[in-house]
Amino acid sequence: MSLTEELVARVRRNIEDAGPAPGLICLEDDDYFAIRRHLLAGRPAGQDLWVFAYGSLLWNPCFAAAEERIGTVHGWHRRFSFWLTRWRGTPDRPGLMMALDRGGSCRGVLYRLSRDGEEALIDQFLMREMSANPPTNVPRWVTVRSEGETLRAITFVADRSGPAYAAPHPEEMTVEVLALAAGHLGSCADYLRSAVVQLESRCIRDTTLWRLQAKVAAYIAALPLDMPMPKSRMEISHACEG
């Protein structure tokens, strides 16, 4: 793997949390309750509750899983498809985060949640993944093939009409963002490395992420050691959520 911990450390920096962006409307308790109620209404009768993880839930699931297994979703693929001006980005240098976007397929991990307190587990899951109203990263049911079975699972996908949606753009732009962007929770480079490491540990190789980690590693390696972190050359006019 080209994107080593040493390279990630080169772009690590301490950034104070500036809080939500001015004017940002946040989801409230009633909103989360309505979203959870809607999700559970679509639950297949008699099926345990499954969550499909493809990104940060692989190393920080925020809930205890009763079972874990590998699964594949068709019709969706991993992509750095929404902007962040907080968490792993800032207003002057937004970061990019992964969600599932339309098309292709995705191998990831299925977590089965315990029936004990599952509503509270869903609430934790929703509050971790969503904050802005309207959100760009939205939950939905998807069909997952795993170990000869077809299961329905909850996952997060990119809403292409969402305010922070990142439309497809040249890969060089994605590489620059992932190499330079960081926020109070860490850098996009660290996020990318963690995702690849977790997938590889489960014998899942995402060819796009594998290519991106090599290009991000080369970008960081080419940065002069004796100069401050360069400003991004990009002009991002998207409306970004915090």
C-alpha atoms as a PDB file:
ATOM      1  CA  MET A   1       0.000   0.000   0.000  1.00  0.00           C
ATOM      2  CA  SER A   2       1.499   3.333  -1.089  1.00  0.00           C
ATOM      3  CA  LEU A   3      -0.409   5.597   1.294  1.00  0.00           C
ATOM      4  CA  THR A   4       1.585   4.863   4.432  1.00  0.00           C
ATOM      5  CA  GLU A   5       1.012   6.146   7.951  1.00  0.00           C
ATOM      6  CA  GLU A   6       4.129   8.284   7.518  1.00  0.00           C
ATOM      7  CA  LEU A   7       2.671  10.043   4.479  1.00  0.00           C
ATOM      8  CA  VAL A   8      -0.667  10.559   6.203  1.00  0.00           C
ATOM      9  CA  ALA A   9       1.183  12.094   9.170  1.00  0.00           C
ATOM     10  CA  ARG A  10       2.722  14.687   6.841  1.00  0.00           C
ATOM     11  CA  VAL A  11      -0.672  16.278   6.166  1.00  0.00           C
ATOM     12  CA  ARG A  12      -2.025  15.860   9.695  1.00  0.00           C
ATOM     13  CA  ARG A  13      -2.667  19.123  11.526  1.00  0.00           C
ATOM     14  CA  ASN A  14      -4.565  20.423  14.509  1.00  0.00           C
ATOM     15  CA  ILE A  15      -7.745  22.217  13.477  1.00  0.00           C
ATOM     16  CA  GLU A  16     -10.233  23.706  15.891  1.00  0.00           C
ATOM     17  CA  ASP A  17     -13.873  22.800  15.360  1.00  0.00           C
ATOM     18  CA  ALA A  18     -15.558  25.948  14.089  1.00  0.00           C
ATOM     19  CA  GLY A  19     -19.002  24.447  14.618  1.00  0.00           C
ATOM     20  CA  PRO A  20     -21.871  24.319  12.122  1.00  0.00           C
ATOM     21  CA  ALA A  21     -21.703  26.569   9.098  1.00  0.00           C
ATOM     22  CA  PRO A  22     -23.564  29.884   9.438  1.00  0.00           C
ATOM     23  CA  GLY A  23     -27.179  29.459   8.427  1.00  0.00           C
ATOM     24  CA  LEU A  24     -27.058  25.669   8.582  1.00  0.00           C
ATOM     25  CA  ILE A  25     -30.298  24.088   9.735  1.00  0.00           C
ATOM     26  CA  CYS A  26     -29.732  20.925  11.759  1.00  0.00           C
ATOM     27  CA  LEU A  27     -31.949  17.900  12.119  1.00  0.00           C
ATOM     28  CA  GLU A  28     -33.830  17.803  15.420  1.00  0.00           C
ATOM     29  CA  ASP A  29     -35.048  14.920  17.572  1.00  0.00           C
ATOM     30  CA  ASP A  30     -38.457  14.872  15.864  1.00  0.00           C
ATOM     31  CA  ASP A  31     -36.741  14.630  12.476  1.00  0.00           C
ATOM     32  CA  TYR A  32     -34.672  11.629  13.555  1.00  0.00           C
ATOM     33  CA  PHE A  33     -37.769   9.982  15.025  1.00  0.00           C
ATOM     34  CA  ALA A  34     -39.648  10.406  11.726  1.00  0.00           C
ATOM     35  CA  ILE A  35     -36.725   9.024   9.711  1.00  0.00           C
ATOM     36  CA  ARG A  36     -36.412   6.011  11.996  1.00  0.00           C
ATOM     37  CA  ARG A  37     -40.158   5.346  11.861  1.00  0.00           C
ATOM     38  CA  HIS A  38     -40.088   5.509   8.058  1.00  0.00           C
ATOM     39  CA  LEU A  39     -37.149   3.101   7.872  1.00  0.00           C
ATOM     40  CA  LEU A  40     -38.709   0.558  10.195  1.00  0.00           C
ATOM     41  CA  ALA A  41     -41.959   0.730   8.233  1.00  0.00           C
ATOM     42  CA  GLY A  42     -40.051  -0.617   5.232  1.00  0.00           C
ATOM     43  CA  ARG A  43     -38.443  -3.469   7.135  1.00  0.00           C
ATOM     44  CA  PRO A  44     -39.128  -6.912   5.633  1.00  0.00           C
ATOM     45  CA  ALA A  45     -41.455  -8.908   7.865  1.00  0.00           C
ATOM     46  CA  GLY A  46     -39.651 -11.285  10.186  1.00  0.00           C
ATOM     47  CA  GLN A  47     -36.130 -10.197   9.143  1.00  0.00           C
ATOM     48  CA  ASP A  48     -33.423  -9.143  11.542  1.00  0.00           C
ATOM     49  CA  LEU A  49     -32.153  -5.612  11.167  1.00  0.00           C
ATOM     50  CA  TRP A  50     -29.024  -5.404   8.989  1.00  0.00           C
ATOM     51  CA  VAL A  51     -26.784  -2.423   8.219  1.00  0.00           C
ATOM     52  CA  PHE A  52     -24.547  -2.352   5.134  1.00  0.00           C
ATOM     53  CA  ALA A  53     -21.175  -0.687   5.812  1.00  0.00           C
ATOM     54  CA  TYR A  54     -18.774   0.473   3.096  1.00  0.00           C
ATOM     55  CA  GLY A  55     -16.794   3.335   4.676  1.00  0.00           C
ATOM     56  CA  SER A  56     -16.121   4.586   8.194  1.00  0.00           C
ATOM     57  CA  LEU A  57     -18.620   2.165   9.746  1.00  0.00           C
ATOM     58  CA  LEU A  58     -16.023  -0.518   8.961  1.00  0.00           C
ATOM     59  CA  TRP A  59     -13.683   0.790  11.685  1.00  0.00           C
ATOM     60  CA  ASN A  60     -16.037   2.848  13.820  1.00  0.00           C
ATOM     61  CA  PRO A  61     -19.498   1.277  13.668  1.00  0.00           C
ATOM     62  CA  CYS A  62     -20.921   3.125  16.723  1.00  0.00           C
ATOM     63  CA  PHE A  63     -22.998   0.074  17.623  1.00  0.00           C
ATOM     64  CA  ALA A  64     -22.435  -3.501  18.756  1.00  0.00           C
ATOM     65  CA  ALA A  65     -23.085  -6.023  15.982  1.00  0.00           C
ATOM     66  CA  ALA A  66     -24.480  -9.460  16.720  1.00  0.00           C
ATOM     67  CA  GLU A  67     -23.037 -10.773  13.444  1.00  0.00           C
ATOM     68  CA  GLU A  68     -20.768  -9.608  10.628  1.00  0.00           C
ATOM     69  CA  ARG A  69     -20.534 -10.958   7.098  1.00  0.00           C
ATOM     70  CA  ILE A  70     -19.423  -9.860   3.630  1.00  0.00           C
ATOM     71  CA  GLY A  71     -22.090  -8.789   1.149  1.00  0.00           C
ATOM     72  CA  THR A  72     -22.512  -7.201  -2.274  1.00  0.00           C
ATOM     73  CA  VAL A  73     -24.936  -4.469  -3.329  1.00  0.00           C
ATOM     74  CA  HIS A  74     -25.747  -4.114  -7.012  1.00  0.00           C
ATOM     75  CA  GLY A  75     -26.824  -0.813  -8.519  1.00  0.00           C
ATOM     76  CA  TRP A  76     -24.657   1.265  -6.156  1.00  0.00           C
ATOM     77  CA  HIS A  77     -20.939   1.986  -5.895  1.00  0.00           C
ATOM     78  CA  ARG A  78     -18.591   3.775  -3.486  1.00  0.00           C
ATOM     79  CA  ARG A  79     -17.722   7.310  -4.506  1.00  0.00           C
ATOM     80  CA  PHE A  80     -16.419  10.426  -2.794  1.00  0.00           C
ATOM     81  CA  SER A  81     -19.722  12.080  -3.519  1.00  0.00           C
ATOM     82  CA  PHE A  82     -20.386  14.794  -0.964  1.00  0.00           C
ATOM     83  CA  TRP A  83     -18.546  17.829   0.324  1.00  0.00           C
ATOM     84  CA  LEU A  84     -17.702  18.545   3.953  1.00  0.00           C
ATOM     85  CA  THR A  85     -16.778  21.923   5.398  1.00  0.00           C
ATOM     86  CA  ARG A  86     -16.515  20.422   8.875  1.00  0.00           C
ATOM     87  CA  TRP A  87     -15.262  17.129  10.393  1.00  0.00           C
ATOM     88  CA  ARG A  88     -12.643  16.348   7.694  1.00  0.00           C
ATOM     89  CA  GLY A  89     -12.737  19.640   5.852  1.00  0.00           C
ATOM     90  CA  THR A  90     -13.002  23.390   6.402  1.00  0.00           C
ATOM     91  CA  PRO A  91     -14.828  26.164   4.533  1.00  0.00           C
ATOM     92  CA  ASP A  92     -11.630  27.264   2.780  1.00  0.00           C
ATOM     93  CA  ARG A  93     -10.624  23.699   1.903  1.00  0.00           C
ATOM     94  CA  PRO A  94     -13.654  21.383   1.817  1.00  0.00           C
ATOM     95  CA  GLY A  95     -13.148  17.663   2.129  1.00  0.00           C
ATOM     96  CA  LEU A  96     -14.831  14.823   0.269  1.00  0.00           C
ATOM     97  CA  MET A  97     -16.541  11.872   1.941  1.00  0.00           C
ATOM     98  CA  MET A  98     -17.828   8.589   0.593  1.00  0.00           C
ATOM     99  CA  ALA A  99     -21.411   7.583   0.058  1.00  0.00           C
ATOM    100  CA  LEU A 100     -23.018   5.072  -2.245  1.00  0.00           C
ATOM    101  CA  ASP A 101     -23.876   6.592  -5.619  1.00  0.00           C
ATOM    102  CA  ARG A 102     -25.966   5.161  -8.424  1.00  0.00           C
ATOM    103  CA  GLY A 103     -24.523   2.504 -10.713  1.00  0.00           C
ATOM    104  CA  GLY A 104     -22.109  -0.416 -10.528  1.00  0.00           C
ATOM    105  CA  SER A 105     -21.770  -2.583  -7.440  1.00  0.00           C
ATOM    106  CA  CYS A 106     -20.145  -2.490  -4.016  1.00  0.00           C
ATOM    107  CA  ARG A 107     -18.715  -5.155  -1.716  1.00  0.00           C
ATOM    108  CA  GLY A 108     -18.854  -4.299   1.933  1.00  0.00           C
ATOM    109  CA  VAL A 109     -19.795  -5.593   5.357  1.00  0.00           C
ATOM    110  CA  LEU A 110     -23.223  -6.500   6.692  1.00  0.00           C
ATOM    111  CA  TYR A 111     -23.798  -5.964  10.406  1.00  0.00           C
ATOM    112  CA  ARG A 112     -26.757  -7.655  12.086  1.00  0.00           C
ATOM    113  CA  LEU A 113     -28.078  -5.611  14.988  1.00  0.00           C
ATOM    114  CA  SER A 114     -29.364  -7.138  18.174  1.00  0.00           C
ATOM    115  CA  ARG A 115     -33.122  -6.906  18.626  1.00  0.00           C
ATOM    116  CA  ASP A 116     -32.524  -5.603  22.145  1.00  0.00           C
ATOM    117  CA  GLY A 117     -32.658  -1.831  21.965  1.00  0.00           C
ATOM    118  CA  GLU A 118     -32.492  -1.730  18.177  1.00  0.00           C
ATOM    119  CA  GLU A 119     -34.410   1.555  17.979  1.00  0.00           C
ATOM    120  CA  ALA A 120     -31.746   3.246  20.098  1.00  0.00           C
ATOM    121  CA  LEU A 121     -29.049   1.710  17.895  1.00  0.00           C
ATOM    122  CA  ILE A 122     -30.730   3.103  14.787  1.00  0.00           C
ATOM    123  CA  ASP A 123     -30.908   6.536  16.393  1.00  0.00           C
ATOM    124  CA  GLN A 124     -27.155   6.428  17.142  1.00  0.00           C
ATOM    125  CA  PHE A 125     -26.507   5.388  13.557  1.00  0.00           C
ATOM    126  CA  LEU A 126     -28.656   8.180  12.101  1.00  0.00           C
ATOM    127  CA  MET A 127     -27.268  10.909  14.353  1.00  0.00           C
ATOM    128  CA  ARG A 128     -23.722   9.919  13.511  1.00  0.00           C
ATOM    129  CA  GLU A 129     -24.277   9.978   9.739  1.00  0.00           C
ATOM    130  CA  MET A 130     -26.707  12.896   9.372  1.00  0.00           C
ATOM    131  CA  SER A 131     -26.812  16.402  10.791  1.00  0.00           C
ATOM    132  CA  ALA A 132     -27.844  18.949   8.150  1.00  0.00           C
ATOM    133  CA  ASN A 133     -31.446  19.509   7.117  1.00  0.00           C
ATOM    134  CA  PRO A 134     -31.904  18.722   4.297  1.00  0.00           C
ATOM    135  CA  PRO A 135     -29.202  16.033   4.333  1.00  0.00           C
ATOM    136  CA  THR A 136     -27.160  14.870   1.356  1.00  0.00           C
ATOM    137  CA  ASN A 137     -26.190  11.531   2.911  1.00  0.00           C
ATOM    138  CA  VAL A 138     -29.524   9.734   3.316  1.00  0.00           C
ATOM    139  CA  PRO A 139     -30.549   6.288   4.629  1.00  0.00           C
ATOM    140  CA  ARG A 140     -32.419   3.762   2.515  1.00  0.00           C
ATOM    141  CA  TRP A 141     -33.027   0.055   2.154  1.00  0.00           C
ATOM    142  CA  VAL A 142     -30.888  -1.839  -0.354  1.00  0.00           C
ATOM    143  CA  THR A 143     -30.759  -5.470  -1.454  1.00  0.00           C
ATOM    144  CA  VAL A 144     -27.569  -7.299  -0.472  1.00  0.00           C
ATOM    145  CA  ARG A 145     -26.333 -10.703  -1.634  1.00  0.00           C
ATOM    146  CA  SER A 146     -24.432 -12.558   1.068  1.00  0.00           C
ATOM    147  CA  GLU A 147     -23.499 -16.212   1.508  1.00  0.00           C
ATOM    148  CA  GLY A 148     -26.144 -17.367  -0.943  1.00  0.00           C
ATOM    149  CA  GLU A 149     -28.890 -15.280   0.673  1.00  0.00           C
ATOM    150  CA  THR A 150     -30.652 -12.111  -0.398  1.00  0.00           C
ATOM    151  CA  LEU A 151     -31.112  -9.681   2.482  1.00  0.00           C
ATOM    152  CA  ARG A 152     -32.453  -6.187   2.864  1.00  0.00           C
ATOM    153  CA  ALA A 153     -30.234  -3.764   4.759  1.00  0.00           C
ATOM    154  CA  ILE A 154     -30.114  -0.102   5.694  1.00  0.00           C
ATOM    155  CA  THR A 155     -27.255   1.945   4.270  1.00  0.00           C
ATOM    156  CA  PHE A 156     -26.470   5.536   3.365  1.00  0.00           C
ATOM    157  CA  VAL A 157     -26.557   6.820  -0.202  1.00  0.00           C
ATOM    158  CA  ALA A 158     -25.883  10.168  -1.827  1.00  0.00           C
ATOM    159  CA  ASP A 159     -28.935  12.271  -2.660  1.00  0.00           C
ATOM    160  CA  ARG A 160     -27.999  13.847  -5.974  1.00  0.00           C
ATOM    161  CA  SER A 161     -30.341  16.741  -5.248  1.00  0.00           C
ATOM    162  CA  GLY A 162     -28.758  17.339  -1.841  1.00  0.00           C
ATOM    163  CA  PRO A 163     -26.992  20.658  -1.156  1.00  0.00           C
ATOM    164  CA  ALA A 164     -23.582  19.043  -0.569  1.00  0.00           C
ATOM    165  CA  TYR A 165     -23.639  16.553  -3.437  1.00  0.00           C
ATOM    166  CA  ALA A 166     -20.355  16.437  -5.357  1.00  0.00           C
ATOM    167  CA  ALA A 167     -21.111  15.798  -9.009  1.00  0.00           C
ATOM    168  CA  PRO A 168     -18.596  13.651 -10.913  1.00  0.00           C
ATOM    169  CA  HIS A 169     -15.390  15.565 -11.585  1.00  0.00           C
ATOM    170  CA  PRO A 170     -11.864  14.775 -12.816  1.00  0.00           C
ATOM    171  CA  GLU A 171     -10.012  12.263 -10.667  1.00  0.00           C
ATOM    172  CA  GLU A 172      -7.114  14.698 -10.294  1.00  0.00           C
ATOM    173  CA  MET A 173      -9.450  17.001  -8.378  1.00  0.00           C
ATOM    174  CA  THR A 174     -10.471  14.189  -6.033  1.00  0.00           C
ATOM    175  CA  VAL A 175      -6.824  13.308  -5.455  1.00  0.00           C
ATOM    176  CA  GLU A 176      -5.961  16.897  -4.529  1.00  0.00           C
ATOM    177  CA  VAL A 177      -8.871  17.171  -2.110  1.00  0.00           C
ATOM    178  CA  LEU A 178      -8.050  13.871  -0.413  1.00  0.00           C
ATOM    179  CA  ALA A 179      -4.381  14.828  -0.123  1.00  0.00           C
ATOM    180  CA  LEU A 180      -4.911  18.306   1.353  1.00  0.00           C
ATOM    181  CA  ALA A 181      -8.258  18.530   3.155  1.00  0.00           C
ATOM    182  CA  ALA A 182      -8.533  18.049   6.903  1.00  0.00           C
ATOM    183  CA  GLY A 183     -10.801  19.056   9.757  1.00  0.00           C
ATOM    184  CA  HIS A 184     -11.024  18.670  13.502  1.00  0.00           C
ATOM    185  CA  LEU A 185     -11.728  14.911  13.181  1.00  0.00           C
ATOM    186  CA  GLY A 186      -8.733  14.290  10.943  1.00  0.00           C
ATOM    187  CA  SER A 187      -7.673  14.339   7.316  1.00  0.00           C
ATOM    188  CA  CYS A 188      -9.273  12.930   4.194  1.00  0.00           C
ATOM    189  CA  ALA A 189      -6.005  11.083   3.537  1.00  0.00           C
ATOM    190  CA  ASP A 190      -6.363   9.265   6.853  1.00  0.00           C
ATOM    191  CA  TYR A 191      -9.998   8.446   6.030  1.00  0.00           C
ATOM    192  CA  LEU A 192      -8.973   7.004   2.654  1.00  0.00           C
ATOM    193  CA  ARG A 193      -6.176   4.942   4.157  1.00  0.00           C
ATOM    194  CA  SER A 194      -8.435   3.596   6.916  1.00  0.00           C
ATOM    195  CA  ALA A 195     -11.077   2.555   4.381  1.00  0.00           C
ATOM    196  CA  VAL A 196      -8.562   0.694   2.213  1.00  0.00           C
ATOM    197  CA  VAL A 197      -6.930  -1.000   5.213  1.00  0.00           C
ATOM    198  CA  GLN A 198     -10.284  -2.187   6.565  1.00  0.00           C
ATOM    199  CA  LEU A 199     -11.414  -3.506   3.189  1.00  0.00           C
ATOM    200  CA  GLU A 200      -8.114  -5.258   2.539  1.00  0.00           C
ATOM    201  CA  SER A 201      -8.282  -6.915   5.974  1.00  0.00           C
ATOM    202  CA  ARG A 202     -11.527  -8.503   4.813  1.00  0.00           C
ATOM    203  CA  CYS A 203     -10.093  -9.499   1.427  1.00  0.00           C
ATOM    204  CA  ILE A 204     -12.081  -6.799  -0.365  1.00  0.00           C
ATOM    205  CA  ARG A 205     -10.168  -4.773  -2.930  1.00  0.00           C
ATOM    206  CA  ASP A 206     -11.989  -1.763  -4.315  1.00  0.00           C
ATOM    207  CA  THR A 207     -10.038  -0.961  -7.479  1.00  0.00           C
ATOM    208  CA  THR A 208     -11.022   2.722  -7.465  1.00  0.00           C
ATOM    209  CA  LEU A 209      -9.922   3.253  -3.859  1.00  0.00           C
ATOM    210  CA  TRP A 210      -6.722   1.297  -4.490  1.00  0.00           C
ATOM    211  CA  ARG A 211      -5.890   3.583  -7.416  1.00  0.00           C
ATOM    212  CA  LEU A 212      -6.797   6.701  -5.407  1.00  0.00           C
ATOM    213  CA  GLN A 213      -4.594   5.765  -2.452  1.00  0.00           C
ATOM    214  CA  ALA A 214      -1.602   5.376  -4.780  1.00  0.00           C
ATOM    215  CA  LYS A 215      -2.234   8.756  -6.419  1.00  0.00           C
ATOM    216  CA  VAL A 216      -2.828  10.516  -3.089  1.00  0.00           C
ATOM    217  CA  ALA A 217       0.395   8.992  -1.760  1.00  0.00           C
ATOM    218  CA  ALA A 218       2.316  10.311  -4.765  1.00  0.00           C
ATOM    219  CA  TYR A 219       0.758  13.764  -4.355  1.00  0.00           C
ATOM    220  CA  ILE A 220       1.701  13.999  -0.666  1.00  0.00           C
ATOM    221  CA  ALA A 221       5.195  12.623  -1.302  1.00  0.00           C
ATOM    222  CA  ALA A 222       5.788  15.404  -3.846  1.00  0.00           C
ATOM    223  CA  LEU A 223       4.942  18.180  -1.357  1.00  0.00           C
ATOM    224  CA  PRO A 224       8.051  20.073  -0.169  1.00  0.00           C
ATOM    225  CA  LEU A 225       8.897  19.196   3.415  1.00  0.00           C
ATOM    226  CA  ASP A 226       9.919  22.732   4.371  1.00  0.00           C
ATOM    227  CA  MET A 227       6.834  24.679   3.280  1.00  0.00           C
ATOM    228  CA  PRO A 228       3.402  25.196   4.894  1.00  0.00           C
ATOM    229  CA  MET A 229       0.490  23.200   3.599  1.00  0.00           C
ATOM    230  CA  PRO A 230      -0.312  24.744   0.188  1.00  0.00           C
ATOM    231  CA  LYS A 231      -3.660  26.348  -0.492  1.00  0.00           C
ATOM    232  CA  SER A 232      -5.948  24.366  -2.725  1.00  0.00           C
ATOM    233  CA  ARG A 233      -6.034  25.524  -6.351  1.00  0.00           C
ATOM    234  CA  MET A 234      -9.676  24.613  -6.710  1.00  0.00           C
ATOM    235  CA  GLU A 235     -12.547  27.077  -6.714  1.00  0.00           C
ATOM    236  CA  ILE A 236     -15.486  25.268  -5.168  1.00  0.00           C
ATOM    237  CA  SER A 237     -18.806  27.001  -5.578  1.00  0.00           C
ATOM    238  CA  HIS A 238     -20.961  24.185  -4.269  1.00  0.00           C
ATOM    239  CA  ALA A 239     -23.199  24.801  -1.307  1.00  0.00           C
ATOM    240  CA  CYS A 240     -21.672  22.633   1.388  1.00  0.00           C
ATOM    241  CA  GLU A 241     -23.270  21.266   4.516  1.00  0.00           C
ATOM    242  CA  GLY A 242     -21.385  21.196   7.828  1.00  0.00           C
END
